[in-house]
Amino acid sequence: MMIKQPIDFTKVEALRKEMLLRMTDMAELFAVSRMTYHSWAKGKHIRRSNDGFVRSMLKKLLAVYTGQGWPSAEVRAMDSKSRAQHLKKLIAELD
């Protein structure tokens, strides 16, 4: 049995900032409350029931970031709400 390393939220936060996303956006993507995401960012451990989903979503975020050149100039020009909606659309296309 392979033991998973805990998710390093300092790296997740760096990715969030690089992708121009708000904590609220990340919470929505991970299907948790903003308070829960904030707790994770501050070092609280993720429940086992959330771990798999968060890892899966992180892979999708990385795919958009690396494979689609996120954030493009067009994305940078969007307001934060539009940016989050556009990202969700791109993630849905990965499924």
PDB file of N, CA and C in Angstrom:
ATOM      1  N   MET A   1       0.844  -1.184   0.000  1.00  0.00           N
ATOM      2  CA  MET A   1       0.000   0.000   0.000  1.00  0.00           C
ATOM      3  C   MET A   1       0.891   1.250   0.000  1.00  0.00           C
ATOM      4  N   MET A   2       0.600   2.162  -0.925  1.00  0.00           N
ATOM      5  CA  MET A   2       1.368   3.382  -1.033  1.00  0.00           C
ATOM      6  C   MET A   2       0.822   4.438  -0.071  1.00  0.00           C
ATOM      7  N   ILE A   3       1.716   5.069   0.682  1.00  0.00           N
ATOM      8  CA  ILE A   3       1.305   6.115   1.610  1.00  0.00           C
ATOM      9  C   ILE A   3       1.394   7.460   0.889  1.00  0.00           C
ATOM     10  N   LYS A   4       0.285   8.164   0.863  1.00  0.00           N
ATOM     11  CA  LYS A   4       0.257   9.462   0.195  1.00  0.00           C
ATOM     12  C   LYS A   4       0.873  10.521   1.103  1.00  0.00           C
ATOM     13  N   GLN A   5       1.679  11.362   0.492  1.00  0.00           N
ATOM     14  CA  GLN A   5       2.215  12.509   1.217  1.00  0.00           C
ATOM     15  C   GLN A   5       1.091  13.533   1.375  1.00  0.00           C
ATOM     16  N   PRO A   6       1.076  14.258   2.489  1.00  0.00           N
ATOM     17  CA  PRO A   6       0.058  15.304   2.633  1.00  0.00           C
ATOM     18  C   PRO A   6       0.198  16.346   1.528  1.00  0.00           C
ATOM     19  N   ILE A   7      -0.906  16.933   1.150  1.00  0.00           N
ATOM     20  CA  ILE A   7      -0.889  17.982   0.138  1.00  0.00           C
ATOM     21  C   ILE A   7      -0.207  19.209   0.739  1.00  0.00           C
ATOM     22  N   ASP A   8       0.746  19.746   0.015  1.00  0.00           N
ATOM     23  CA  ASP A   8       1.486  20.929   0.465  1.00  0.00           C
ATOM     24  C   ASP A   8       0.720  22.176   0.027  1.00  0.00           C
ATOM     25  N   PHE A   9       0.000  22.767   0.960  1.00  0.00           N
ATOM     26  CA  PHE A   9      -0.833  23.906   0.608  1.00  0.00           C
ATOM     27  C   PHE A   9      -0.043  25.184   0.380  1.00  0.00           C
ATOM     28  N   THR A  10       1.224  25.220   0.732  1.00  0.00           N
ATOM     29  CA  THR A  10       2.014  26.390   0.330  1.00  0.00           C
ATOM     30  C   THR A  10       2.149  26.383  -1.191  1.00  0.00           C
ATOM     31  N   LYS A  11       2.267  25.193  -1.765  1.00  0.00           N
ATOM     32  CA  LYS A  11       2.329  25.081  -3.227  1.00  0.00           C
ATOM     33  C   LYS A  11       0.963  25.332  -3.855  1.00  0.00           C
ATOM     34  N   VAL A  12      -0.090  24.858  -3.217  1.00  0.00           N
ATOM     35  CA  VAL A  12      -1.444  25.091  -3.725  1.00  0.00           C
ATOM     36  C   VAL A  12      -1.744  26.592  -3.714  1.00  0.00           C
ATOM     37  N   GLU A  13      -1.343  27.253  -2.660  1.00  0.00           N
ATOM     38  CA  GLU A  13      -1.552  28.702  -2.575  1.00  0.00           C
ATOM     39  C   GLU A  13      -0.732  29.444  -3.629  1.00  0.00           C
ATOM     40  N   ALA A  14       0.467  28.989  -3.882  1.00  0.00           N
ATOM     41  CA  ALA A  14       1.286  29.608  -4.937  1.00  0.00           C
ATOM     42  C   ALA A  14       0.606  29.434  -6.290  1.00  0.00           C
ATOM     43  N   LEU A  15       0.060  28.242  -6.543  1.00  0.00           N
ATOM     44  CA  LEU A  15      -0.659  27.990  -7.782  1.00  0.00           C
ATOM     45  C   LEU A  15      -1.894  28.881  -7.875  1.00  0.00           C
ATOM     46  N   ARG A  16      -2.629  28.985  -6.778  1.00  0.00           N
ATOM     47  CA  ARG A  16      -3.840  29.826  -6.751  1.00  0.00           C
ATOM     48  C   ARG A  16      -3.499  31.260  -7.150  1.00  0.00           C
ATOM     49  N   LYS A  17      -2.467  31.785  -6.541  1.00  0.00           N
ATOM     50  CA  LYS A  17      -2.079  33.169  -6.822  1.00  0.00           C
ATOM     51  C   LYS A  17      -1.595  33.326  -8.261  1.00  0.00           C
ATOM     52  N   GLU A  18      -0.827  32.363  -8.737  1.00  0.00           N
ATOM     53  CA  GLU A  18      -0.322  32.413 -10.113  1.00  0.00           C
ATOM     54  C   GLU A  18      -1.470  32.350 -11.122  1.00  0.00           C
ATOM     55  N   MET A  19      -2.508  31.605 -10.766  1.00  0.00           N
ATOM     56  CA  MET A  19      -3.662  31.464 -11.661  1.00  0.00           C
ATOM     57  C   MET A  19      -4.672  32.601 -11.494  1.00  0.00           C
ATOM     58  N   LEU A  20      -4.363  33.554 -10.604  1.00  0.00           N
ATOM     59  CA  LEU A  20      -5.211  34.725 -10.360  1.00  0.00           C
ATOM     60  C   LEU A  20      -6.590  34.338  -9.829  1.00  0.00           C
ATOM     61  N   LEU A  21      -6.608  33.377  -8.911  1.00  0.00           N
ATOM     62  CA  LEU A  21      -7.861  32.909  -8.328  1.00  0.00           C
ATOM     63  C   LEU A  21      -7.989  33.395  -6.889  1.00  0.00           C
ATOM     64  N   ARG A  22      -9.214  33.558  -6.463  1.00  0.00           N
ATOM     65  CA  ARG A  22      -9.498  33.931  -5.076  1.00  0.00           C
ATOM     66  C   ARG A  22      -9.627  32.668  -4.235  1.00  0.00           C
ATOM     67  N   MET A  23      -9.504  32.810  -2.930  1.00  0.00           N
ATOM     68  CA  MET A  23      -9.715  31.667  -2.035  1.00  0.00           C
ATOM     69  C   MET A  23     -11.128  31.123  -2.222  1.00  0.00           C
ATOM     70  N   THR A  24     -12.064  32.002  -2.462  1.00  0.00           N
ATOM     71  CA  THR A  24     -13.450  31.584  -2.705  1.00  0.00           C
ATOM     72  C   THR A  24     -13.537  30.682  -3.929  1.00  0.00           C
ATOM     73  N   ASP A  25     -12.786  31.021  -4.966  1.00  0.00           N
ATOM     74  CA  ASP A  25     -12.776  30.196  -6.182  1.00  0.00           C
ATOM     75  C   ASP A  25     -12.242  28.797  -5.873  1.00  0.00           C
ATOM     76  N   MET A  26     -11.157  28.749  -5.114  1.00  0.00           N
ATOM     77  CA  MET A  26     -10.563  27.444  -4.781  1.00  0.00           C
ATOM     78  C   MET A  26     -11.524  26.625  -3.928  1.00  0.00           C
ATOM     79  N   ALA A  27     -12.163  27.274  -2.977  1.00  0.00           N
ATOM     80  CA  ALA A  27     -13.131  26.564  -2.137  1.00  0.00           C
ATOM     81  C   ALA A  27     -14.239  25.958  -2.992  1.00  0.00           C
ATOM     82  N   GLU A  28     -14.735  26.722  -3.951  1.00  0.00           N
ATOM     83  CA  GLU A  28     -15.782  26.209  -4.839  1.00  0.00           C
ATOM     84  C   GLU A  28     -15.261  25.052  -5.682  1.00  0.00           C
ATOM     85  N   LEU A  29     -14.055  25.176  -6.206  1.00  0.00           N
ATOM     86  CA  LEU A  29     -13.487  24.103  -7.023  1.00  0.00           C
ATOM     87  C   LEU A  29     -13.300  22.821  -6.215  1.00  0.00           C
ATOM     88  N   PHE A  30     -12.941  22.975  -4.931  1.00  0.00           N
ATOM     89  CA  PHE A  30     -12.724  21.816  -4.068  1.00  0.00           C
ATOM     90  C   PHE A  30     -13.996  21.371  -3.357  1.00  0.00           C
ATOM     91  N   ALA A  31     -15.103  22.064  -3.622  1.00  0.00           N
ATOM     92  CA  ALA A  31     -16.421  21.729  -3.057  1.00  0.00           C
ATOM     93  C   ALA A  31     -16.426  21.760  -1.528  1.00  0.00           C
ATOM     94  N   VAL A  32     -15.796  22.805  -0.981  1.00  0.00           N
ATOM     95  CA  VAL A  32     -15.783  23.005   0.466  1.00  0.00           C
ATOM     96  C   VAL A  32     -16.095  24.470   0.759  1.00  0.00           C
ATOM     97  N   SER A  33     -16.306  24.777   2.016  1.00  0.00           N
ATOM     98  CA  SER A  33     -16.539  26.167   2.400  1.00  0.00           C
ATOM     99  C   SER A  33     -15.233  26.958   2.307  1.00  0.00           C
ATOM    100  N   ARG A  34     -15.373  28.251   2.218  1.00  0.00           N
ATOM    101  CA  ARG A  34     -14.190  29.113   2.188  1.00  0.00           C
ATOM    102  C   ARG A  34     -13.402  28.946   3.489  1.00  0.00           C
ATOM    103  N   MET A  35     -14.114  28.784   4.599  1.00  0.00           N
ATOM    104  CA  MET A  35     -13.460  28.600   5.893  1.00  0.00           C
ATOM    105  C   MET A  35     -12.616  27.321   5.905  1.00  0.00           C
ATOM    106  N   THR A  36     -13.144  26.258   5.318  1.00  0.00           N
ATOM    107  CA  THR A  36     -12.396  25.002   5.255  1.00  0.00           C
ATOM    108  C   THR A  36     -11.144  25.175   4.404  1.00  0.00           C
ATOM    109  N   TYR A  37     -11.287  25.803   3.237  1.00  0.00           N
ATOM    110  CA  TYR A  37     -10.111  26.023   2.395  1.00  0.00           C
ATOM    111  C   TYR A  37      -9.078  26.876   3.134  1.00  0.00           C
ATOM    112  N   HIS A  38      -9.534  27.910   3.783  1.00  0.00           N
ATOM    113  CA  HIS A  38      -8.622  28.784   4.525  1.00  0.00           C
ATOM    114  C   HIS A  38      -7.889  27.991   5.610  1.00  0.00           C
ATOM    115  N   SER A  39      -8.590  27.097   6.276  1.00  0.00           N
ATOM    116  CA  SER A  39      -7.959  26.244   7.299  1.00  0.00           C
ATOM    117  C   SER A  39      -6.868  25.371   6.684  1.00  0.00           C
ATOM    118  N   TRP A  40      -7.154  24.806   5.520  1.00  0.00           N
ATOM    119  CA  TRP A  40      -6.149  23.981   4.840  1.00  0.00           C
ATOM    120  C   TRP A  40      -4.930  24.826   4.488  1.00  0.00           C
ATOM    121  N   ALA A  41      -5.181  26.034   3.996  1.00  0.00           N
ATOM    122  CA  ALA A  41      -4.081  26.922   3.615  1.00  0.00           C
ATOM    123  C   ALA A  41      -3.234  27.296   4.827  1.00  0.00           C
ATOM    124  N   LYS A  42      -3.844  27.284   6.004  1.00  0.00           N
ATOM    125  CA  LYS A  42      -3.126  27.599   7.240  1.00  0.00           C
ATOM    126  C   LYS A  42      -2.475  26.369   7.878  1.00  0.00           C
ATOM    127  N   GLY A  43      -2.663  25.193   7.257  1.00  0.00           N
ATOM    128  CA  GLY A  43      -1.973  24.005   7.739  1.00  0.00           C
ATOM    129  C   GLY A  43      -2.822  22.894   8.328  1.00  0.00           C
ATOM    130  N   LYS A  44      -4.129  23.088   8.414  1.00  0.00           N
ATOM    131  CA  LYS A  44      -4.994  22.031   8.935  1.00  0.00           C
ATOM    132  C   LYS A  44      -5.028  20.873   7.941  1.00  0.00           C
ATOM    133  N   HIS A  45      -5.043  19.649   8.466  1.00  0.00           N
ATOM    134  CA  HIS A  45      -5.057  18.471   7.605  1.00  0.00           C
ATOM    135  C   HIS A  45      -6.409  18.283   6.937  1.00  0.00           C
ATOM    136  N   ILE A  46      -6.353  17.711   5.758  1.00  0.00           N
ATOM    137  CA  ILE A  46      -7.558  17.427   4.984  1.00  0.00           C
ATOM    138  C   ILE A  46      -8.120  16.084   5.415  1.00  0.00           C
ATOM    139  N   ARG A  47      -9.408  16.021   5.541  1.00  0.00           N
ATOM    140  CA  ARG A  47     -10.053  14.743   5.845  1.00  0.00           C
ATOM    141  C   ARG A  47      -9.827  13.778   4.694  1.00  0.00           C
ATOM    142  N   ARG A  48      -9.741  12.535   5.031  1.00  0.00           N
ATOM    143  CA  ARG A  48      -9.545  11.498   4.022  1.00  0.00           C
ATOM    144  C   ARG A  48     -10.647  11.540   2.969  1.00  0.00           C
ATOM    145  N   SER A  49     -11.856  11.868   3.402  1.00  0.00           N
ATOM    146  CA  SER A  49     -12.985  11.917   2.462  1.00  0.00           C
ATOM    147  C   SER A  49     -12.836  13.031   1.427  1.00  0.00           C
ATOM    148  N   ASN A  50     -12.061  14.053   1.709  1.00  0.00           N
ATOM    149  CA  ASN A  50     -11.837  15.152   0.766  1.00  0.00           C
ATOM    150  C   ASN A  50     -10.551  14.995  -0.040  1.00  0.00           C
ATOM    151  N   ASP A  51      -9.622  14.233   0.467  1.00  0.00           N
ATOM    152  CA  ASP A  51      -8.284  14.151  -0.108  1.00  0.00           C
ATOM    153  C   ASP A  51      -8.279  13.753  -1.585  1.00  0.00           C
ATOM    154  N   GLY A  52      -8.975  12.710  -1.941  1.00  0.00           N
ATOM    155  CA  GLY A  52      -8.975  12.234  -3.322  1.00  0.00           C
ATOM    156  C   GLY A  52      -9.544  13.253  -4.290  1.00  0.00           C
ATOM    157  N   PHE A  53     -10.634  13.892  -3.891  1.00  0.00           N
ATOM    158  CA  PHE A  53     -11.255  14.887  -4.759  1.00  0.00           C
ATOM    159  C   PHE A  53     -10.330  16.092  -4.948  1.00  0.00           C
ATOM    160  N   VAL A  54      -9.703  16.533  -3.868  1.00  0.00           N
ATOM    161  CA  VAL A  54      -8.798  17.689  -3.946  1.00  0.00           C
ATOM    162  C   VAL A  54      -7.617  17.364  -4.855  1.00  0.00           C
ATOM    163  N   ARG A  55      -7.046  16.179  -4.707  1.00  0.00           N
ATOM    164  CA  ARG A  55      -5.923  15.777  -5.566  1.00  0.00           C
ATOM    165  C   ARG A  55      -6.343  15.728  -7.039  1.00  0.00           C
ATOM    166  N   SER A  56      -7.525  15.217  -7.293  1.00  0.00           N
ATOM    167  CA  SER A  56      -8.036  15.144  -8.661  1.00  0.00           C
ATOM    168  C   SER A  56      -8.217  16.547  -9.241  1.00  0.00           C
ATOM    169  N   MET A  57      -8.779  17.448  -8.451  1.00  0.00           N
ATOM    170  CA  MET A  57      -8.982  18.817  -8.924  1.00  0.00           C
ATOM    171  C   MET A  57      -7.644  19.525  -9.127  1.00  0.00           C
ATOM    172  N   LEU A  58      -6.684  19.262  -8.271  1.00  0.00           N
ATOM    173  CA  LEU A  58      -5.362  19.871  -8.452  1.00  0.00           C
ATOM    174  C   LEU A  58      -4.724  19.424  -9.768  1.00  0.00           C
ATOM    175  N   LYS A  59      -4.906  18.170 -10.122  1.00  0.00           N
ATOM    176  CA  LYS A  59      -4.382  17.682 -11.401  1.00  0.00           C
ATOM    177  C   LYS A  59      -5.033  18.425 -12.566  1.00  0.00           C
ATOM    178  N   LYS A  60      -6.325  18.670 -12.460  1.00  0.00           N
ATOM    179  CA  LYS A  60      -7.035  19.395 -13.512  1.00  0.00           C
ATOM    180  C   LYS A  60      -6.562  20.850 -13.579  1.00  0.00           C
ATOM    181  N   LEU A  61      -6.378  21.469 -12.419  1.00  0.00           N
ATOM    182  CA  LEU A  61      -5.880  22.841 -12.404  1.00  0.00           C
ATOM    183  C   LEU A  61      -4.496  22.927 -13.042  1.00  0.00           C
ATOM    184  N   LEU A  62      -3.649  21.972 -12.721  1.00  0.00           N
ATOM    185  CA  LEU A  62      -2.307  21.952 -13.318  1.00  0.00           C
ATOM    186  C   LEU A  62      -2.373  21.719 -14.826  1.00  0.00           C
ATOM    187  N   ALA A  63      -3.324  20.905 -15.262  1.00  0.00           N
ATOM    188  CA  ALA A  63      -3.487  20.657 -16.699  1.00  0.00           C
ATOM    189  C   ALA A  63      -3.877  21.944 -17.423  1.00  0.00           C
ATOM    190  N   VAL A  64      -4.768  22.715 -16.831  1.00  0.00           N
ATOM    191  CA  VAL A  64      -5.180  23.983 -17.435  1.00  0.00           C
ATOM    192  C   VAL A  64      -4.011  24.973 -17.393  1.00  0.00           C
ATOM    193  N   TYR A  65      -3.331  25.009 -16.271  1.00  0.00           N
ATOM    194  CA  TYR A  65      -2.215  25.947 -16.096  1.00  0.00           C
ATOM    195  C   TYR A  65      -1.080  25.671 -17.079  1.00  0.00           C
ATOM    196  N   THR A  66      -0.692  24.422 -17.193  1.00  0.00           N
ATOM    197  CA  THR A  66       0.446  24.086 -18.052  1.00  0.00           C
ATOM    198  C   THR A  66       0.036  23.849 -19.499  1.00  0.00           C
ATOM    199  N   GLY A  67      -1.074  23.187 -19.704  1.00  0.00           N
ATOM    200  CA  GLY A  67      -1.478  22.800 -21.050  1.00  0.00           C
ATOM    201  C   GLY A  67      -2.172  23.882 -21.843  1.00  0.00           C
ATOM    202  N   GLN A  68      -2.752  24.844 -21.138  1.00  0.00           N
ATOM    203  CA  GLN A  68      -3.510  25.870 -21.842  1.00  0.00           C
ATOM    204  C   GLN A  68      -2.963  27.274 -21.597  1.00  0.00           C
ATOM    205  N   GLY A  69      -1.795  27.331 -20.998  1.00  0.00           N
ATOM    206  CA  GLY A  69      -1.161  28.623 -20.802  1.00  0.00           C
ATOM    207  C   GLY A  69      -1.935  29.599 -19.935  1.00  0.00           C
ATOM    208  N   TRP A  70      -2.593  29.070 -18.951  1.00  0.00           N
ATOM    209  CA  TRP A  70      -3.373  29.902 -18.032  1.00  0.00           C
ATOM    210  C   TRP A  70      -2.423  30.665 -17.131  1.00  0.00           C
ATOM    211  N   PRO A  71      -2.617  31.906 -16.855  1.00  0.00           N
ATOM    212  CA  PRO A  71      -3.630  32.794 -17.389  1.00  0.00           C
ATOM    213  C   PRO A  71      -3.142  33.534 -18.624  1.00  0.00           C
ATOM    214  N   SER A  72      -3.892  33.455 -19.664  1.00  0.00           N
ATOM    215  CA  SER A  72      -3.582  34.174 -20.901  1.00  0.00           C
ATOM    216  C   SER A  72      -3.881  35.662 -20.699  1.00  0.00           C
ATOM    217  N   ALA A  73      -3.515  36.461 -21.669  1.00  0.00           N
ATOM    218  CA  ALA A  73      -3.812  37.895 -21.600  1.00  0.00           C
ATOM    219  C   ALA A  73      -5.323  38.122 -21.508  1.00  0.00           C
ATOM    220  N   GLU A  74      -6.081  37.314 -22.243  1.00  0.00           N
ATOM    221  CA  GLU A  74      -7.544  37.419 -22.200  1.00  0.00           C
ATOM    222  C   GLU A  74      -8.068  37.137 -20.795  1.00  0.00           C
ATOM    223  N   VAL A  75      -7.529  36.093 -20.166  1.00  0.00           N
ATOM    224  CA  VAL A  75      -7.956  35.721 -18.817  1.00  0.00           C
ATOM    225  C   VAL A  75      -7.556  36.809 -17.820  1.00  0.00           C
ATOM    226  N   ARG A  76      -6.370  37.347 -17.961  1.00  0.00           N
ATOM    227  CA  ARG A  76      -5.900  38.417 -17.068  1.00  0.00           C
ATOM    228  C   ARG A  76      -6.818  39.644 -17.131  1.00  0.00           C
ATOM    229  N   ALA A  77      -7.408  39.888 -18.282  1.00  0.00           N
ATOM    230  CA  ALA A  77      -8.273  41.051 -18.456  1.00  0.00           C
ATOM    231  C   ALA A  77      -9.669  40.856 -17.847  1.00  0.00           C
ATOM    232  N   MET A  78     -10.030  39.620 -17.530  1.00  0.00           N
ATOM    233  CA  MET A  78     -11.357  39.328 -16.979  1.00  0.00           C
ATOM    234  C   MET A  78     -11.441  39.745 -15.517  1.00  0.00           C
ATOM    235  N   ASP A  79     -12.670  40.032 -15.070  1.00  0.00           N
ATOM    236  CA  ASP A  79     -12.871  40.230 -13.640  1.00  0.00           C
ATOM    237  C   ASP A  79     -12.808  38.861 -12.970  1.00  0.00           C
ATOM    238  N   SER A  80     -12.642  38.843 -11.665  1.00  0.00           N
ATOM    239  CA  SER A  80     -12.406  37.574 -10.963  1.00  0.00           C
ATOM    240  C   SER A  80     -13.552  36.578 -11.117  1.00  0.00           C
ATOM    241  N   LYS A  81     -14.774  37.065 -11.137  1.00  0.00           N
ATOM    242  CA  LYS A  81     -15.922  36.160 -11.282  1.00  0.00           C
ATOM    243  C   LYS A  81     -15.944  35.507 -12.672  1.00  0.00           C
ATOM    244  N   SER A  82     -15.704  36.286 -13.695  1.00  0.00           N
ATOM    245  CA  SER A  82     -15.663  35.758 -15.063  1.00  0.00           C
ATOM    246  C   SER A  82     -14.503  34.788 -15.233  1.00  0.00           C
ATOM    247  N   ARG A  83     -13.381  35.118 -14.607  1.00  0.00           N
ATOM    248  CA  ARG A  83     -12.203  34.255 -14.675  1.00  0.00           C
ATOM    249  C   ARG A  83     -12.521  32.874 -14.076  1.00  0.00           C
ATOM    250  N   ALA A  84     -13.182  32.870 -12.929  1.00  0.00           N
ATOM    251  CA  ALA A  84     -13.541  31.610 -12.276  1.00  0.00           C
ATOM    252  C   ALA A  84     -14.518  30.805 -13.129  1.00  0.00           C
ATOM    253  N   GLN A  85     -15.490  31.469 -13.741  1.00  0.00           N
ATOM    254  CA  GLN A  85     -16.455  30.775 -14.597  1.00  0.00           C
ATOM    255  C   GLN A  85     -15.756  30.170 -15.816  1.00  0.00           C
ATOM    256  N   HIS A  86     -14.846  30.914 -16.388  1.00  0.00           N
ATOM    257  CA  HIS A  86     -14.102  30.421 -17.549  1.00  0.00           C
ATOM    258  C   HIS A  86     -13.265  29.201 -17.166  1.00  0.00           C
ATOM    259  N   LEU A  87     -12.627  29.258 -16.015  1.00  0.00           N
ATOM    260  CA  LEU A  87     -11.828  28.134 -15.543  1.00  0.00           C
ATOM    261  C   LEU A  87     -12.698  26.894 -15.334  1.00  0.00           C
ATOM    262  N   LYS A  88     -13.853  27.069 -14.723  1.00  0.00           N
ATOM    263  CA  LYS A  88     -14.756  25.933 -14.507  1.00  0.00           C
ATOM    264  C   LYS A  88     -15.165  25.294 -15.831  1.00  0.00           C
ATOM    265  N   LYS A  89     -15.370  26.119 -16.838  1.00  0.00           N
ATOM    266  CA  LYS A  89     -15.725  25.595 -18.159  1.00  0.00           C
ATOM    267  C   LYS A  89     -14.575  24.761 -18.719  1.00  0.00           C
ATOM    268  N   LEU A  90     -13.363  25.265 -18.607  1.00  0.00           N
ATOM    269  CA  LEU A  90     -12.204  24.531 -19.096  1.00  0.00           C
ATOM    270  C   LEU A  90     -12.003  23.210 -18.345  1.00  0.00           C
ATOM    271  N   ILE A  91     -12.228  23.251 -17.058  1.00  0.00           N
ATOM    272  CA  ILE A  91     -12.093  22.026 -16.255  1.00  0.00           C
ATOM    273  C   ILE A  91     -13.154  21.010 -16.665  1.00  0.00           C
ATOM    274  N   ALA A  92     -14.374  21.469 -16.904  1.00  0.00           N
ATOM    275  CA  ALA A  92     -15.451  20.567 -17.327  1.00  0.00           C
ATOM    276  C   ALA A  92     -15.113  19.899 -18.639  1.00  0.00           C
ATOM    277  N   GLU A  93     -14.411  20.609 -19.517  1.00  0.00           N
ATOM    278  CA  GLU A  93     -14.015  20.032 -20.813  1.00  0.00           C
ATOM    279  C   GLU A  93     -12.954  18.944 -20.657  1.00  0.00           C
ATOM    280  N   LEU A  94     -12.256  18.926 -19.527  1.00  0.00           N
ATOM    281  CA  LEU A  94     -11.247  17.888 -19.283  1.00  0.00           C
ATOM    282  C   LEU A  94     -11.885  16.560 -18.905  1.00  0.00           C
ATOM    283  N   ASP A  95     -13.093  16.611 -18.368  1.00  0.00           N
ATOM    284  CA  ASP A  95     -13.774  15.371 -17.926  1.00  0.00           C
ATOM    285  C   ASP A  95     -14.252  14.531 -19.082  1.00  0.00           C
TER     286      ASP A  95
END
